[in-house]
Protein backbone atom coordinates (compact mmCIF):
# COMPACT_ATOMS: atom_id res chain seq x y z
CA MET A 1 144.31 115.74 153.18
CA ARG A 2 141.96 116.92 150.44
CA VAL A 3 138.27 117.76 150.72
CA LEU A 4 135.78 118.35 147.93
CA GLY A 5 133.35 121.16 148.77
CA ILE A 6 129.92 121.46 147.11
CA GLU A 7 127.87 124.66 147.39
CA THR A 8 124.32 125.11 146.01
CA SER A 9 122.57 127.30 148.57
CA CYS A 10 121.24 129.90 146.13
CA ASP A 11 121.91 130.54 142.43
CA GLU A 12 125.58 129.52 142.13
CA THR A 13 126.55 125.91 141.51
CA ALA A 14 130.06 125.63 142.94
CA ALA A 15 132.67 123.01 143.72
CA SER A 16 136.23 123.20 144.97
CA VAL A 17 139.06 121.06 146.29
CA VAL A 18 141.03 122.34 149.29
CA GLU A 19 144.09 120.74 150.85
CA ASP A 20 144.76 120.82 154.61
CA GLY A 21 142.38 123.72 155.14
CA ARG A 22 144.72 126.25 153.58
CA ARG A 23 145.67 125.40 150.00
CA LEU A 24 143.16 126.14 147.23
CA LEU A 25 143.57 123.54 144.48
CA SER A 26 140.47 124.30 142.41
CA ASN A 27 137.46 126.59 142.40
CA VAL A 28 134.69 126.28 139.84
CA VAL A 29 131.47 128.31 139.86
CA ALA A 30 128.55 128.18 137.42
CA SER A 31 126.12 131.03 137.97
CA SER A 32 122.52 131.28 136.77
CA LEU A 33 122.54 135.06 137.36
CA ASP A 34 121.56 135.88 133.77
CA LEU A 35 118.44 133.74 134.06
CA HIS A 36 117.28 135.63 137.17
CA ALA A 37 118.16 139.15 135.99
CA GLN A 38 115.00 139.52 133.90
CA TYR A 39 112.93 138.90 137.05
CA GLY A 40 114.89 141.30 139.26
CA GLY A 41 115.80 138.60 141.78
CA VAL A 42 116.48 134.92 142.30
CA VAL A 43 113.61 132.62 141.29
CA PRO A 44 113.96 129.45 143.42
CA GLU A 45 112.54 127.06 140.80
CA ILE A 46 114.90 128.35 138.11
CA ALA A 47 117.85 128.13 140.50
CA ALA A 48 117.08 124.51 141.38
CA ARG A 49 116.75 123.47 137.73
CA SER A 50 120.05 125.16 136.94
CA HIS A 51 121.77 123.23 139.73
CA ILE A 52 120.47 119.95 138.31
CA GLU A 53 122.05 120.74 134.96
CA ALA A 54 125.34 122.10 136.28
CA VAL A 55 126.28 120.22 139.45
CA ILE A 56 127.98 117.13 137.96
CA PRO A 57 129.95 119.04 135.25
CA VAL A 58 131.08 121.58 137.88
CA ILE A 59 132.29 118.82 140.24
CA ASP A 60 134.10 117.03 137.40
CA LYS A 61 135.83 120.24 136.40
CA ALA A 62 136.87 120.97 140.00
CA LEU A 63 138.38 117.49 140.35
CA LYS A 64 140.30 117.81 137.09
CA GLN A 65 141.53 121.30 137.99
CA ALA A 66 142.86 119.99 141.31
CA ALA A 67 144.49 116.86 139.92
CA SER A 68 148.18 116.60 139.07
CA ASP A 69 147.18 114.97 135.78
CA SER A 70 144.13 115.46 133.55
CA ALA A 71 142.14 112.54 134.94
CA GLY A 72 140.71 114.09 138.09
CA SER A 73 140.85 110.93 140.17
CA TRP A 74 138.61 110.40 143.20
CA ASP A 75 141.52 108.57 144.85
CA ASP A 76 142.94 111.97 145.87
CA ILE A 77 139.77 113.01 147.74
CA ASP A 78 139.62 112.19 151.46
CA ALA A 79 136.17 113.60 152.28
CA ILE A 80 133.20 115.50 150.89
CA ALA A 81 131.67 118.63 152.45
CA VAL A 82 128.35 120.07 151.31
CA THR A 83 126.26 123.07 152.28
CA GLN A 84 123.41 121.74 154.41
CA GLY A 85 121.94 125.20 155.09
CA ALA A 86 121.07 127.99 155.19
CA GLY A 87 119.60 128.66 151.76
CA LEU A 88 116.80 127.93 149.31
CA SER A 89 115.24 124.52 149.89
CA GLY A 90 115.25 123.39 146.26
CA SER A 91 118.82 124.56 145.70
CA LEU A 92 120.13 122.94 148.88
CA LEU A 93 118.39 119.69 148.01
CA ILE A 94 120.33 119.30 144.74
CA GLY A 95 123.70 119.76 146.42
CA VAL A 96 122.94 117.54 149.41
CA LEU A 97 121.50 114.69 147.34
CA THR A 98 124.50 114.87 144.99
CA ALA A 99 126.95 114.81 147.89
CA ARG A 100 125.11 111.93 149.56
CA THR A 101 125.19 109.87 146.37
CA LEU A 102 128.88 110.55 145.80
CA ALA A 103 129.74 109.74 149.42
CA ILE A 104 128.02 106.36 149.08
CA THR A 105 129.34 105.42 145.65
CA LYS A 106 132.88 106.72 146.21
CA ARG A 107 132.96 105.61 149.88
CA LYS A 108 134.02 108.96 151.28
CA PRO A 109 133.26 110.57 154.67
CA LEU A 110 130.53 113.21 154.37
CA TYR A 111 130.14 116.47 156.28
CA GLY A 112 127.08 118.72 156.16
CA VAL A 113 128.31 122.24 156.92
CA ASN A 114 126.89 125.67 157.66
CA HIS A 115 126.94 128.04 154.68
CA VAL A 116 127.21 131.13 156.89
CA GLU A 117 130.10 129.68 158.88
CA GLY A 118 131.74 128.74 155.59
CA HIS A 119 131.92 132.40 154.55
CA LEU A 120 134.35 133.01 157.41
CA TYR A 121 136.48 129.99 156.50
CA ALA A 122 137.33 131.49 153.12
CA ASN A 123 139.79 133.56 155.15
CA PHE A 124 141.75 130.43 156.11
CA LEU A 125 142.83 129.87 152.50
CA THR A 126 146.35 131.25 152.16
CA GLN A 127 147.97 129.31 149.30
CA THR A 128 147.11 128.60 145.66
CA THR A 129 148.71 128.20 142.26
CA LEU A 130 145.49 129.23 140.54
CA PRO A 131 145.90 132.49 138.59
CA GLY A 132 144.13 135.68 139.59
CA TYR A 133 143.78 135.10 143.34
CA ILE A 134 145.09 137.36 146.10
CA LEU A 135 144.92 135.53 149.43
CA PRO A 136 145.84 136.43 153.05
CA SER A 137 149.49 135.83 153.94
CA SER A 138 148.61 133.73 156.99
CA GLN A 139 145.65 132.05 158.63
CA PRO A 140 143.70 133.92 161.32
CA VAL A 141 144.73 133.39 164.95
CA PHE A 142 142.09 132.75 167.60
CA PRO A 143 140.23 134.38 169.23
CA ILE A 144 138.69 135.99 166.15
CA LEU A 145 135.89 138.47 165.60
CA GLY A 146 133.96 137.48 162.49
CA LEU A 147 131.62 139.72 160.49
CA ILE A 148 129.37 138.03 157.91
CA VAL A 149 127.66 140.41 155.48
CA SER A 150 125.77 139.04 152.50
CA GLY A 151 122.44 139.10 150.71
CA GLY A 152 120.86 136.79 153.25
CA HIS A 153 122.94 137.25 156.39
CA SER A 154 124.34 139.95 158.67
CA GLN A 155 125.99 138.45 161.73
CA LEU A 156 128.73 139.26 164.22
CA VAL A 157 130.46 136.26 165.80
CA LEU A 158 133.18 135.77 168.41
CA LEU A 159 135.19 132.62 167.61
CA ARG A 160 137.31 131.23 170.43
CA ASP A 161 138.46 128.25 168.36
CA HIS A 162 137.26 126.10 165.50
CA PHE A 163 133.60 125.16 166.15
CA ASP A 164 133.60 127.11 169.43
CA TYR A 165 131.92 130.45 168.98
CA THR A 166 129.27 132.83 170.28
CA LEU A 167 126.81 134.64 168.04
CA LEU A 168 126.99 138.23 169.29
CA GLY A 169 124.30 139.62 167.03
CA GLN A 170 122.47 139.31 163.73
CA THR A 171 119.92 141.16 161.66
CA GLN A 172 116.38 141.16 162.96
CA ASP A 173 114.88 141.77 159.51
CA ASP A 174 116.68 142.51 156.22
CA ALA A 175 120.31 141.58 155.76
CA ILE A 176 122.62 144.33 154.55
CA GLY A 177 123.03 142.78 151.11
CA GLU A 178 119.26 142.41 150.80
CA ALA A 179 118.84 146.09 151.68
CA PHE A 180 121.37 147.03 148.98
CA ASP A 181 119.44 144.96 146.43
CA LYS A 182 116.09 146.50 147.39
CA VAL A 183 117.46 150.05 147.21
CA GLY A 184 118.91 149.21 143.81
CA LYS A 185 115.51 148.00 142.61
CA LEU A 186 113.82 151.12 143.98
CA LEU A 187 116.27 153.27 142.01
CA GLY A 188 115.69 151.26 138.84
CA LEU A 189 119.24 149.89 138.71
CA PRO A 190 120.25 146.65 136.97
CA TYR A 191 120.19 143.38 138.91
CA PRO A 192 122.01 142.53 141.13
CA GLY A 193 121.15 145.80 142.81
CA GLY A 194 123.92 145.75 145.42
CA ILE A 195 126.72 146.02 142.88
CA SER A 196 124.80 148.65 140.91
CA VAL A 197 124.23 150.78 144.03
CA SER A 198 127.95 150.74 144.80
CA ARG A 199 128.82 151.73 141.25
CA ILE A 200 126.58 154.77 141.02
CA ALA A 201 127.43 155.74 144.61
CA GLU A 202 130.91 156.60 143.33
CA HIS A 203 129.33 159.57 141.52
CA GLY A 204 127.21 160.77 144.43
CA ASP A 205 127.60 162.78 147.63
CA SER A 206 127.55 160.35 150.56
CA PHE A 207 126.65 163.17 152.98
CA LYS A 208 123.92 164.69 150.82
CA PHE A 209 121.11 163.13 152.83
CA ARG A 210 120.70 162.12 156.46
CA LEU A 211 119.41 158.59 156.91
CA PRO A 212 118.68 156.78 160.21
CA LYS A 213 120.67 154.05 161.91
CA ALA A 214 118.62 151.49 163.79
CA LYS A 215 119.10 151.57 167.56
CA MET A 216 118.73 148.02 168.81
CA THR A 217 118.13 147.47 172.53
CA GLY A 218 117.72 143.75 173.06
CA VAL A 219 120.92 141.99 174.16
CA ARG A 220 121.35 138.27 173.55
CA GLN A 221 121.63 136.02 176.58
CA ASP A 222 124.92 134.61 175.27
CA VAL A 223 126.35 138.13 175.16
CA LEU A 224 125.16 138.82 178.71
CA THR A 225 126.84 135.59 179.80
CA LEU A 226 130.11 136.62 178.16
CA ARG A 227 129.95 139.99 179.89
CA THR A 228 129.35 138.35 183.25
CA GLN A 229 132.25 135.98 182.72
CA LYS A 230 134.50 138.86 181.73
CA THR A 231 133.52 140.84 184.84
CA ASN A 232 134.17 137.84 187.08
CA LEU A 233 137.58 137.29 185.52
CA THR A 234 138.71 140.90 185.80
CA GLY A 235 136.95 141.87 189.01
CA ASP A 236 138.77 144.49 191.02
CA GLU A 237 142.20 143.24 189.96
CA SER A 238 142.15 145.54 186.94
CA VAL A 239 141.58 148.55 189.18
CA ASP A 240 144.56 150.07 191.02
CA SER A 241 142.78 151.82 193.88
CA GLY A 242 139.37 150.16 193.65
CA THR A 243 137.54 153.46 193.26
CA ARG A 244 134.34 153.53 191.22
CA SER A 245 135.74 156.12 188.78
CA GLN A 246 138.54 153.76 187.77
CA ARG A 247 136.40 150.68 187.21
CA PRO A 248 136.00 149.58 183.58
CA LYS A 249 132.85 151.02 182.04
CA PRO A 250 130.25 148.22 181.59
CA TYR A 251 129.05 147.41 178.07
CA ARG A 252 125.30 147.40 177.63
CA HIS A 253 124.70 147.82 173.90
CA SER A 254 123.22 145.25 171.51
CA TYR A 255 125.09 143.73 168.58
CA ASP A 256 121.94 143.00 166.58
CA PHE A 257 121.28 144.76 163.27
CA SER A 258 118.23 146.11 161.46
CA PHE A 259 118.12 147.43 157.90
CA SER A 260 114.38 147.63 157.24
CA GLY A 261 114.22 151.15 158.68
CA ILE A 262 116.86 152.61 156.40
CA LYS A 263 115.26 150.88 153.43
CA THR A 264 111.94 152.60 154.22
CA ALA A 265 113.75 155.89 154.82
CA VAL A 266 115.26 155.67 151.32
CA LEU A 267 111.78 155.12 149.89
CA ARG A 268 110.41 158.20 151.68
CA LEU A 269 113.47 160.23 150.63
CA ALA A 270 113.02 159.31 146.98
CA GLN A 271 109.32 160.22 147.14
CA GLU A 272 110.24 163.56 148.71
CA GLN A 273 112.85 164.28 146.03
CA ILE A 274 110.24 164.08 143.27
CA GLY A 275 107.67 166.08 145.24
CA GLU A 276 105.32 163.21 146.06
CA ASP A 277 103.95 161.87 149.34
CA PHE A 278 104.06 158.37 150.81
CA THR A 279 101.20 157.15 148.61
CA PHE A 280 103.30 157.39 145.45
CA PRO A 281 104.21 153.84 144.31
CA SER A 282 107.85 152.77 144.56
CA THR A 283 107.70 151.32 141.05
CA GLY A 284 107.32 154.80 139.60
CA LEU A 285 110.24 156.45 141.40
CA ALA A 286 113.07 155.48 139.06
CA ALA A 287 111.48 157.21 136.06
CA ARG A 288 111.08 160.49 137.98
CA LEU A 289 114.51 160.65 139.66
CA ASN A 290 117.40 162.17 137.73
CA GLU A 291 120.79 160.49 137.63
CA GLN A 292 122.38 162.80 140.20
CA GLN A 293 119.54 162.25 142.64
CA LYS A 294 119.96 158.49 142.25
CA ALA A 295 123.72 158.74 142.80
CA ASP A 296 123.33 160.91 145.92
CA ILE A 297 120.67 158.62 147.39
CA ALA A 298 122.81 155.54 146.68
CA ALA A 299 125.93 157.13 148.18
CA SER A 300 124.10 158.30 151.32
CA PHE A 301 122.50 154.88 151.79
CA GLN A 302 125.77 153.04 151.28
CA ARG A 303 127.59 155.23 153.81
CA VAL A 304 125.01 154.70 156.56
CA ALA A 305 124.59 150.97 155.87
CA ILE A 306 128.35 150.41 155.99
CA GLU A 307 128.71 152.58 159.10
CA THR A 308 126.05 150.46 160.81
CA VAL A 309 128.06 147.22 160.55
CA VAL A 310 131.41 148.94 161.12
CA ASP A 311 130.18 150.69 164.27
CA LYS A 312 129.20 147.39 165.87
CA THR A 313 132.34 145.62 164.69
CA VAL A 314 134.48 148.28 166.33
CA LEU A 315 132.42 148.11 169.55
CA ALA A 316 132.79 144.31 169.63
CA TYR A 317 136.54 144.59 169.07
CA GLU A 318 136.86 147.08 171.93
CA GLU A 319 134.80 144.90 174.27
CA PHE A 320 136.26 141.46 173.54
CA ARG A 321 139.77 142.34 172.26
CA PRO A 322 140.19 139.46 169.79
CA ALA A 323 143.51 138.66 168.15
CA GLY A 324 142.08 139.57 164.76
CA VAL A 325 139.04 140.40 162.66
CA ILE A 326 137.80 138.57 159.55
CA ILE A 327 134.88 139.30 157.24
CA GLY A 328 132.95 137.12 154.83
CA GLY A 329 129.97 137.21 152.47
CA GLY A 330 129.29 139.05 149.24
CA VAL A 331 129.34 142.52 150.81
CA ALA A 332 132.80 141.71 152.22
CA SER A 333 134.18 142.43 148.76
CA SER A 334 133.07 146.08 149.07
CA LEU A 335 136.07 148.39 148.96
CA VAL A 336 134.07 150.98 150.92
CA LEU A 337 133.53 148.49 153.76
CA ARG A 338 137.16 147.37 153.72
CA GLN A 339 138.40 150.96 153.82
CA ALA A 340 136.05 151.88 156.67
CA LEU A 341 137.20 148.89 158.75
CA ALA A 342 140.85 149.67 158.04
CA GLU A 343 140.39 153.26 159.18
CA ARG A 344 138.58 152.47 162.42
CA LEU A 345 140.03 149.19 163.67
CA PRO A 346 143.33 149.39 165.58
CA CYS A 347 144.45 146.04 164.17
CA PRO A 348 145.40 145.17 160.59
CA VAL A 349 142.82 143.15 158.68
CA GLU A 350 143.66 140.82 155.80
CA TYR A 351 140.89 140.16 153.31
CA THR A 352 140.37 137.18 151.05
CA ASP A 353 140.03 137.52 147.31
CA PRO A 354 136.68 139.04 146.23
CA LYS A 355 136.00 135.86 144.22
CA LEU A 356 135.90 133.98 147.54
CA CYS A 357 133.49 136.43 149.19
CA THR A 358 130.48 135.46 147.11
CA ASP A 359 129.11 131.91 147.31
CA ASN A 360 131.74 129.35 146.35
CA GLY A 361 132.80 125.76 147.00
CA ALA A 362 136.22 126.73 148.38
CA MET A 363 134.83 128.09 151.64
CA ILE A 364 132.76 124.90 152.08
CA ALA A 365 135.78 122.71 151.35
CA ALA A 366 137.94 124.71 153.79
CA LEU A 367 135.37 124.29 156.56
CA GLY A 368 135.08 120.63 155.61
CA CYS A 369 138.84 120.21 156.02
CA PHE A 370 138.71 121.41 159.61
CA SER A 371 135.64 119.28 160.26
CA HIS A 372 137.58 116.22 159.08
CA LEU A 373 140.86 117.12 160.77
CA LEU A 374 139.29 117.96 164.12
CA GLY A 375 136.98 114.98 164.34
CA GLN A 376 133.61 116.65 163.89
CA PRO A 377 130.67 114.22 163.58
CA GLN A 378 130.27 112.80 160.10
CA ALA A 379 126.92 112.99 158.35
CA ASP A 380 125.01 109.85 157.45
CA PRO A 381 124.95 109.78 153.63
CA TYR A 382 121.66 107.86 153.75
CA SER A 383 119.81 110.43 155.83
CA LEU A 384 121.52 113.86 155.73
CA ASP A 385 118.75 116.43 155.31
CA ILE A 386 118.73 120.07 154.30
CA ALA A 387 118.31 122.87 156.87
CA PRO A 388 117.07 125.98 154.99
CA ASN A 389 116.89 128.11 158.17
CA LEU A 390 120.16 126.94 159.69
CA SER A 391 121.86 129.61 161.79
CA MET A 392 125.23 129.89 163.47
């Protein structure tokens, strides 16, 4: 069973063919990154126009790459999956309209899928003959703790099975990747800022500066429900003598994130380093900071930002004891994050190839495979709409 996945949520036009939810047959990505670099960020109108130009050639190339011959026949495709949301409206519209048209003309089942959820499903790809990919040796086993960390999303999810999950927490303001990009811009680093911050952080002292970690207090109702269910299931049976001192300690912390505070703290730190107060404009900081100051600020920021998501991942693992942990999203390719998780989690974690952490069609196709195999509702190709603010 083969599914074509189409992804156009931001600035990458991507398509892929995945077989049975595990075998990667093709993966083609056309990025408009160079067009956005001169503006220091993604320009939605430019991204949408780029998708219009690239989407059909990218799909054709993905079909040919997956085919046993050079023709790239549609006869081998059993269904189409497309990112319905979340993302930029104009970008999503190009992918969804393309998928709808293809589903009608090629008479294929259509599935509109969640981009954020798709990031986790990149971890279910375990086989490929494509060169240059290093994939997990086996698919994750439920229940799974999933961490999504990207430019637009920071979420922690407990998955009991396919399409059966609870959102434990998410960012209440900036996502971690967005914070990396904004710190990079503040330091005058090349776009995309996240990658540039990680590169110069290698030359800095990660403990040079103290930066704050947000202390979130609000606990989601779904998390409270899970905790109540867990207490009811364990009760006093887990306690030998029934004394209060031996009862399991209740969990009360929040799994939500916040990165706006640390971003502001970096701004104030940079102003302090050049001897200016809070009125000094952020646009003038890069010219006044020396290279070592930039490296130390980047390293200190990266350490605290990574610790923030790792701390909560470890807490969630200790509370819910899943069979495994998976991560997805652009920041999931960070070696610093992977090393921190490996050091602090008591279970081994297998990571997908970095090329499958950023936006790609393979993760959408993999999710589409399970949607098709497990009988999820098909989308109406005549009415499927975009959902820019779609959440898990």
